[in-house]
N, C-alpha and C. Protein backbone atom coordinates (compact mmCIF):
# COMPACT_ATOMS: atom_id res chain seq x y z
N MET A 1 -308.28 37.44 -71.77
CA MET A 1 -307.39 37.76 -70.47
C MET A 1 -305.98 36.82 -70.57
N HIS A 2 -305.75 35.92 -70.69
CA HIS A 2 -304.27 35.16 -70.90
C HIS A 2 -303.29 36.50 -70.71
N VAL A 3 -303.67 37.12 -72.28
CA VAL A 3 -302.34 38.47 -72.77
C VAL A 3 -302.56 38.90 -71.27
N TYR A 4 -303.41 39.56 -70.23
CA TYR A 4 -303.31 40.52 -69.33
C TYR A 4 -302.58 39.84 -68.26
N ILE A 5 -302.95 38.81 -68.75
CA ILE A 5 -302.26 38.51 -67.01
C ILE A 5 -300.65 37.99 -67.20
N LYS A 6 -300.04 37.54 -67.94
CA LYS A 6 -299.02 37.81 -68.62
C LYS A 6 -298.44 38.99 -68.74
N GLN A 7 -298.76 40.00 -69.60
CA GLN A 7 -298.33 41.66 -69.22
C GLN A 7 -298.47 41.87 -67.85
N GLY A 8 -299.09 41.33 -67.04
CA GLY A 8 -299.51 41.44 -65.63
C GLY A 8 -297.93 41.25 -64.75
N THR A 9 -297.51 39.93 -65.48
CA THR A 9 -296.77 39.02 -64.41
C THR A 9 -295.42 39.65 -65.07
N TYR A 10 -295.27 39.68 -66.72
CA TYR A 10 -293.72 40.68 -66.73
C TYR A 10 -293.45 41.90 -66.32
N PHE A 11 -295.26 43.33 -65.89
CA PHE A 11 -294.65 43.71 -64.75
C PHE A 11 -293.77 43.83 -63.88
N LEU A 12 -294.94 42.42 -62.95
CA LEU A 12 -293.83 42.92 -61.45
C LEU A 12 -292.82 42.35 -61.95
N ILE A 13 -292.51 41.31 -62.42
CA ILE A 13 -290.72 41.29 -62.55
C ILE A 13 -290.05 42.33 -62.86
N ASN A 14 -290.70 43.18 -63.72
CA ASN A 14 -290.19 44.34 -64.10
C ASN A 14 -289.68 45.74 -62.60
N VAL A 15 -290.52 45.18 -62.33
CA VAL A 15 -290.74 46.36 -60.90
C VAL A 15 -289.75 45.54 -59.75
N LEU A 16 -289.61 44.44 -59.21
CA LEU A 16 -288.60 43.32 -59.00
C LEU A 16 -286.94 43.81 -59.42
N LEU A 17 -286.93 44.02 -60.65
CA LEU A 17 -286.15 44.10 -61.51
C LEU A 17 -285.37 45.62 -60.91
N CYS A 18 -286.46 46.78 -60.71
CA CYS A 18 -286.68 47.94 -61.10
C CYS A 18 -286.45 48.06 -58.89
N THR A 19 -286.58 47.13 -58.39
CA THR A 19 -286.20 47.59 -57.07
C THR A 19 -284.75 46.61 -56.71
N ILE A 20 -284.34 45.32 -57.25
CA ILE A 20 -282.90 44.94 -57.05
C ILE A 20 -282.11 46.11 -57.10
N LEU A 21 -282.20 46.59 -59.23
CA LEU A 21 -281.11 47.80 -58.79
C LEU A 21 -281.61 49.21 -58.00
N PHE A 22 -281.96 49.17 -57.81
CA PHE A 22 -282.34 50.27 -57.23
C PHE A 22 -281.44 50.27 -55.69
N PHE A 23 -281.70 48.41 -55.33
CA PHE A 23 -280.98 48.49 -53.64
C PHE A 23 -279.58 48.20 -54.08
N ILE A 24 -278.92 47.66 -55.48
CA ILE A 24 -277.84 47.81 -55.48
C ILE A 24 -277.01 48.91 -55.65
N PHE A 25 -277.74 49.83 -56.44
CA PHE A 25 -277.04 51.20 -57.35
C PHE A 25 -277.39 52.30 -56.49
N SER A 26 -278.20 52.46 -55.76
CA SER A 26 -278.28 53.16 -54.99
C SER A 26 -277.76 54.10 -53.76
N GLU A 27 -277.70 55.19 -53.85
CA GLU A 27 -276.38 55.62 -52.62
C GLU A 27 -277.44 55.70 -51.28
N SER A 28 -278.65 55.94 -51.37
CA SER A 28 -279.24 56.62 -50.45
C SER A 28 -280.88 56.16 -50.57
N ILE A 29 -281.33 55.52 -49.31
CA ILE A 29 -282.59 54.73 -50.05
C ILE A 29 -283.58 55.95 -50.42
N THR A 30 -284.00 56.49 -51.19
CA THR A 30 -285.37 57.12 -50.79
C THR A 30 -286.69 56.58 -51.86
N LEU A 31 -287.79 57.68 -52.17
CA LEU A 31 -288.33 57.33 -53.30
C LEU A 31 -287.94 57.58 -54.93
N VAL A 32 -287.21 58.93 -54.47
CA VAL A 32 -286.67 59.94 -55.35
C VAL A 32 -286.14 59.00 -56.65
N GLY A 33 -285.22 58.04 -55.58
CA GLY A 33 -284.19 57.44 -56.11
C GLY A 33 -284.88 56.08 -56.76
N PHE A 34 -286.16 55.71 -55.90
CA PHE A 34 -286.60 54.27 -56.95
C PHE A 34 -287.27 55.25 -57.78
N ILE A 35 -287.84 56.14 -58.37
CA ILE A 35 -288.18 56.97 -58.90
C ILE A 35 -287.83 57.40 -59.77
N ASP A 36 -286.00 57.41 -59.74
CA ASP A 36 -285.35 57.26 -60.71
C ASP A 36 -284.76 55.87 -61.58
N THR A 37 -285.09 54.89 -60.78
CA THR A 37 -284.81 54.07 -61.44
C THR A 37 -285.70 53.45 -62.30
N ILE A 38 -286.93 53.56 -61.41
CA ILE A 38 -287.93 53.46 -62.80
C ILE A 38 -288.57 53.69 -64.55
N PHE A 39 -287.29 55.01 -64.23
CA PHE A 39 -287.78 55.92 -65.39
C PHE A 39 -286.34 55.28 -65.96
N TYR A 40 -285.25 55.39 -65.42
CA TYR A 40 -284.67 54.40 -66.63
C TYR A 40 -284.70 53.54 -67.19
N ILE A 41 -285.32 52.07 -66.82
CA ILE A 41 -286.08 50.91 -67.21
C ILE A 41 -287.12 51.62 -68.21
N GLY A 42 -287.70 51.87 -67.32
CA GLY A 42 -289.16 52.45 -68.29
C GLY A 42 -288.65 53.08 -69.88
N LEU A 43 -288.10 53.95 -69.71
CA LEU A 43 -287.28 54.42 -71.01
C LEU A 43 -286.30 53.70 -71.75
N LEU A 44 -285.51 52.89 -71.03
CA LEU A 44 -285.22 52.33 -71.96
C LEU A 44 -286.29 50.94 -72.42
N TYR A 45 -286.87 50.31 -71.76
CA TYR A 45 -288.04 49.65 -73.01
C TYR A 45 -288.82 50.40 -73.61
N PHE A 46 -289.58 51.71 -73.32
CA PHE A 46 -289.81 52.18 -74.02
C PHE A 46 -288.97 52.95 -75.69
N CYS A 47 -287.73 53.23 -75.85
CA CYS A 47 -287.08 53.08 -76.40
C CYS A 47 -287.07 51.98 -77.35
N ILE A 48 -286.51 50.89 -76.53
CA ILE A 48 -286.57 49.85 -77.31
C ILE A 48 -287.45 49.78 -78.49
N GLY A 49 -289.19 49.60 -77.59
CA GLY A 49 -289.85 49.04 -78.53
C GLY A 49 -290.52 50.79 -79.56
N LEU A 50 -289.77 51.63 -79.38
CA LEU A 50 -289.80 52.55 -80.39
C LEU A 50 -289.22 52.40 -81.61
N LEU A 51 -288.31 52.11 -81.55
CA LEU A 51 -286.62 51.37 -82.02
C LEU A 51 -287.50 50.56 -83.59
N TRP A 52 -288.21 48.97 -82.79
CA TRP A 52 -288.63 47.95 -83.13
C TRP A 52 -290.06 48.43 -84.35
N LEU A 53 -290.52 49.62 -83.65
CA LEU A 53 -292.05 50.06 -84.22
C LEU A 53 -290.96 50.99 -85.46
N VAL A 54 -290.36 51.36 -85.19
CA VAL A 54 -289.88 52.13 -86.62
C VAL A 54 -289.04 51.01 -87.33
N ILE A 55 -288.43 49.81 -87.24
CA ILE A 55 -288.11 48.61 -87.66
C ILE A 55 -289.59 48.20 -88.51
N ARG A 56 -290.14 48.13 -88.03
CA ARG A 56 -291.55 46.34 -88.25
C ARG A 56 -292.20 48.15 -89.09
N GLY A 57 -291.87 49.56 -89.22
CA GLY A 57 -292.71 50.25 -90.16
C GLY A 57 -292.08 50.55 -91.57
N GLN A 58 -290.95 50.13 -91.69
CA GLN A 58 -290.63 49.70 -93.58
C GLN A 58 -289.75 50.76 -93.49
N PHE A 59 -289.23 51.49 -92.28
CA PHE A 59 -288.11 52.90 -92.53
C PHE A 59 -286.92 52.52 -93.23
N PHE A 60 -286.28 51.12 -92.66
CA PHE A 60 -285.23 50.69 -93.32
C PHE A 60 -285.02 49.84 -93.99
N ASP A 61 -285.72 49.39 -94.51
CA ASP A 61 -286.34 48.88 -96.37
C ASP A 61 -285.99 49.38 -97.19
N VAL A 62 -286.39 50.44 -97.73
CA VAL A 62 -285.69 51.14 -99.17
C VAL A 62 -284.44 51.62 -98.35
N MET A 63 -283.96 51.60 -97.28
CA MET A 63 -282.45 52.19 -97.61
C MET A 63 -281.66 50.58 -97.80
N VAL A 64 -281.79 49.48 -97.02
CA VAL A 64 -281.45 48.21 -97.64
C VAL A 64 -281.47 47.63 -98.62
N PHE A 65 -282.47 47.71 -99.60
CA PHE A 65 -283.50 47.75 -100.59
C PHE A 65 -282.08 48.61 -101.81
N SER A 66 -282.29 50.02 -101.30
CA SER A 66 -281.66 51.03 -102.16
C SER A 66 -279.98 50.36 -102.21
N PHE A 67 -279.24 49.70 -100.61
CA PHE A 67 -278.18 49.37 -100.86
C PHE A 67 -278.58 48.18 -101.68
N ARG A 68 -278.88 47.46 -101.97
CA ARG A 68 -278.70 45.84 -102.90
C ARG A 68 -279.03 46.06 -104.50
N ARG A 69 -279.44 47.13 -104.78
CA ARG A 69 -279.96 47.73 -105.94
C ARG A 69 -278.27 48.21 -106.40
N VAL A 70 -278.06 49.42 -105.33
CA VAL A 70 -276.63 50.04 -105.54
C VAL A 70 -275.07 48.71 -105.98
N THR A 71 -275.51 47.68 -105.21
CA THR A 71 -274.39 46.67 -105.24
C THR A 71 -274.59 46.17 -106.98
N SER A 72 -275.97 45.17 -106.59
CA SER A 72 -276.03 44.92 -107.94
C SER A 72 -275.32 45.18 -109.33
N LYS A 73 -275.56 46.84 -109.58
CA LYS A 73 -275.20 47.81 -109.91
C LYS A 73 -273.83 47.47 -110.41
N MET A 74 -272.97 47.65 -109.28
CA MET A 74 -270.97 47.62 -109.17
C MET A 74 -270.81 46.11 -108.74
N SER A 75 -271.60 45.33 -108.82
CA SER A 75 -270.45 44.09 -108.30
C SER A 75 -270.93 43.46 -109.96
N LYS A 76 -269.70 42.57 -110.05
CA LYS A 76 -269.43 41.64 -111.39
C LYS A 76 -269.92 40.05 -110.84
N SER A 77 -270.01 39.95 -109.52
CA SER A 77 -270.07 38.37 -109.53
C SER A 77 -271.67 38.82 -109.24
N LYS A 78 -273.03 37.74 -109.69
CA LYS A 78 -273.53 37.69 -110.28
C LYS A 78 -274.42 36.29 -109.06
N ALA A 79 -273.42 35.07 -108.75
CA ALA A 79 -274.21 34.84 -107.23
C ALA A 79 -274.20 35.05 -106.38
N TRP A 80 -273.21 35.84 -105.97
CA TRP A 80 -273.56 36.85 -104.44
C TRP A 80 -274.76 37.34 -104.72
N MET A 81 -274.79 37.92 -105.13
CA MET A 81 -275.75 39.01 -105.33
C MET A 81 -277.40 38.34 -105.08
N GLU A 82 -277.29 36.70 -106.14
CA GLU A 82 -278.66 36.18 -105.90
C GLU A 82 -278.37 35.83 -104.39
N ARG A 83 -277.61 35.30 -103.94
CA ARG A 83 -277.42 35.33 -102.22
C ARG A 83 -278.44 36.75 -101.51
N PHE A 84 -277.80 37.80 -101.69
CA PHE A 84 -277.90 39.27 -101.65
C PHE A 84 -279.37 39.30 -100.94
N GLU A 85 -279.87 39.48 -102.63
CA GLU A 85 -281.44 39.06 -102.81
C GLU A 85 -282.09 38.72 -101.56
N GLU A 86 -281.96 36.98 -101.96
CA GLU A 86 -282.35 36.18 -100.85
C GLU A 86 -282.84 36.78 -99.44
N LYS A 87 -282.07 37.43 -98.90
CA LYS A 87 -281.64 37.77 -97.50
C LYS A 87 -283.64 38.59 -97.12
N LYS A 88 -283.71 39.04 -96.28
CA LYS A 88 -284.86 39.38 -95.52
C LYS A 88 -284.66 40.24 -95.52
N LEU A 89 -285.68 41.36 -96.06
CA LEU A 89 -285.89 42.58 -95.35
C LEU A 89 -285.89 43.20 -94.15
N PRO A 90 -285.36 44.01 -93.07
CA PRO A 90 -285.65 44.53 -91.69
C PRO A 90 -286.33 44.12 -91.25
N SER A 91 -287.49 44.75 -91.52
CA SER A 91 -289.36 44.67 -91.34
C SER A 91 -289.95 42.44 -91.43
N GLU A 92 -289.13 42.91 -92.05
CA GLU A 92 -289.68 40.83 -92.06
C GLU A 92 -288.56 40.25 -90.52
N LEU A 93 -287.43 40.76 -90.06
CA LEU A 93 -286.85 40.22 -89.19
C LEU A 93 -287.75 40.18 -87.94
N THR A 94 -288.49 41.07 -87.97
CA THR A 94 -289.05 42.03 -86.19
C THR A 94 -290.73 41.01 -86.36
N GLU A 95 -290.04 40.73 -85.00
CA GLU A 95 -291.88 40.27 -85.04
C GLU A 95 -292.92 41.56 -84.08
N LYS A 96 -293.87 41.58 -83.90
CA LYS A 96 -294.99 42.05 -84.00
C LYS A 96 -294.77 42.12 -81.95
N LYS A 97 -295.09 40.76 -81.66
CA LYS A 97 -295.19 40.23 -80.26
C LYS A 97 -294.33 41.22 -79.83
N THR A 98 -292.71 40.98 -80.14
CA THR A 98 -291.44 41.39 -79.04
C THR A 98 -291.62 43.27 -79.22
N MET A 99 -292.26 44.00 -80.02
CA MET A 99 -292.44 45.43 -79.71
C MET A 99 -293.38 45.37 -79.28
N GLN A 100 -294.58 45.14 -79.20
CA GLN A 100 -295.64 44.96 -78.30
C GLN A 100 -295.46 44.85 -76.84
N PHE A 101 -294.20 44.09 -76.71
CA PHE A 101 -294.18 43.68 -75.02
C PHE A 101 -292.65 45.17 -74.92
N PHE A 102 -292.05 45.38 -75.73
CA PHE A 102 -291.49 46.71 -75.04
C PHE A 102 -292.28 48.04 -75.29
N LEU A 103 -293.13 47.98 -75.77
CA LEU A 103 -293.98 49.20 -75.89
C LEU A 103 -294.92 49.39 -74.57
N ILE A 104 -295.83 48.04 -74.35
CA ILE A 104 -295.94 47.83 -72.89
C ILE A 104 -295.45 47.92 -71.97
N GLN A 105 -294.71 47.54 -71.79
CA GLN A 105 -293.97 47.24 -70.80
C GLN A 105 -293.00 48.84 -70.21
N GLY A 106 -292.80 49.18 -71.09
CA GLY A 106 -292.04 51.02 -70.74
C GLY A 106 -293.48 51.91 -71.27
N LEU A 107 -294.65 51.43 -71.47
CA LEU A 107 -295.57 52.71 -71.14
C LEU A 107 -296.25 52.44 -69.47
N LEU A 108 -296.03 51.05 -69.01
CA LEU A 108 -296.38 50.91 -67.88
C LEU A 108 -295.63 51.02 -66.44
N LEU A 109 -294.45 51.49 -67.03
CA LEU A 109 -293.02 51.48 -65.84
C LEU A 109 -292.99 52.85 -65.94
N LEU A 110 -293.41 53.92 -66.96
CA LEU A 110 -293.47 55.25 -67.27
C LEU A 110 -294.80 55.24 -66.28
N LEU A 111 -295.83 54.97 -66.51
CA LEU A 111 -297.03 54.87 -65.15
C LEU A 111 -296.54 55.22 -64.21
N LEU A 112 -296.13 54.05 -63.88
CA LEU A 112 -295.94 53.66 -62.02
C LEU A 112 -295.21 54.81 -61.90
N MET A 113 -294.09 55.44 -62.92
CA MET A 113 -293.06 56.81 -62.21
C MET A 113 -293.63 58.05 -61.99
N LEU A 114 -295.70 58.06 -63.15
CA LEU A 114 -295.94 59.26 -62.43
C LEU A 114 -296.60 58.97 -61.06
N LEU A 115 -297.41 57.80 -61.30
CA LEU A 115 -298.37 57.72 -60.61
C LEU A 115 -296.84 57.90 -58.52
N LEU A 116 -296.39 57.21 -58.78
CA LEU A 116 -294.95 57.53 -57.36
C LEU A 116 -294.34 59.29 -57.58
N PHE A 117 -294.01 59.98 -58.56
CA PHE A 117 -294.53 61.21 -58.47
C PHE A 117 -295.37 62.09 -58.05
N ILE A 118 -296.98 61.34 -58.22
CA ILE A 118 -297.93 62.26 -57.89
C ILE A 118 -297.76 62.02 -56.44
N ILE A 119 -297.72 60.64 -55.96
CA ILE A 119 -297.16 60.12 -54.01
C ILE A 119 -296.73 61.09 -53.39
N TYR A 120 -295.67 61.01 -54.53
CA TYR A 120 -294.33 62.11 -53.67
C TYR A 120 -294.49 63.52 -52.96
N TYR A 121 -294.94 64.42 -54.03
CA TYR A 121 -295.50 65.59 -54.31
C TYR A 121 -297.07 65.83 -53.54
N SER A 122 -297.59 64.92 -53.37
CA SER A 122 -299.14 65.15 -52.42
C SER A 122 -298.99 65.48 -51.00
């Protein structure tokens, strides 16, 4: 239950942020302009969440491992390579909660945008 309250609070903050950005940057105050603002913010959140998902899915770990391997073959300094191998992989640096936050907030904002579209066209 606590998670839903937290996500709901963040959602309300995001809607407030969208409203403030709408009034600051909009030339005319229309529902379509507000829907556009929600779309831009929601899409930004959703894209960041998807990028986080790809990183957590160990997509870039293979590439980083390959770079480390090639560098170890080419490098003559072993001390530098030991330090390089101790560094964490990209998937180990990301947190699951951060990814979930961006995906959930992006989806909620996009669902709000769809609801407003339905209201606008009915």
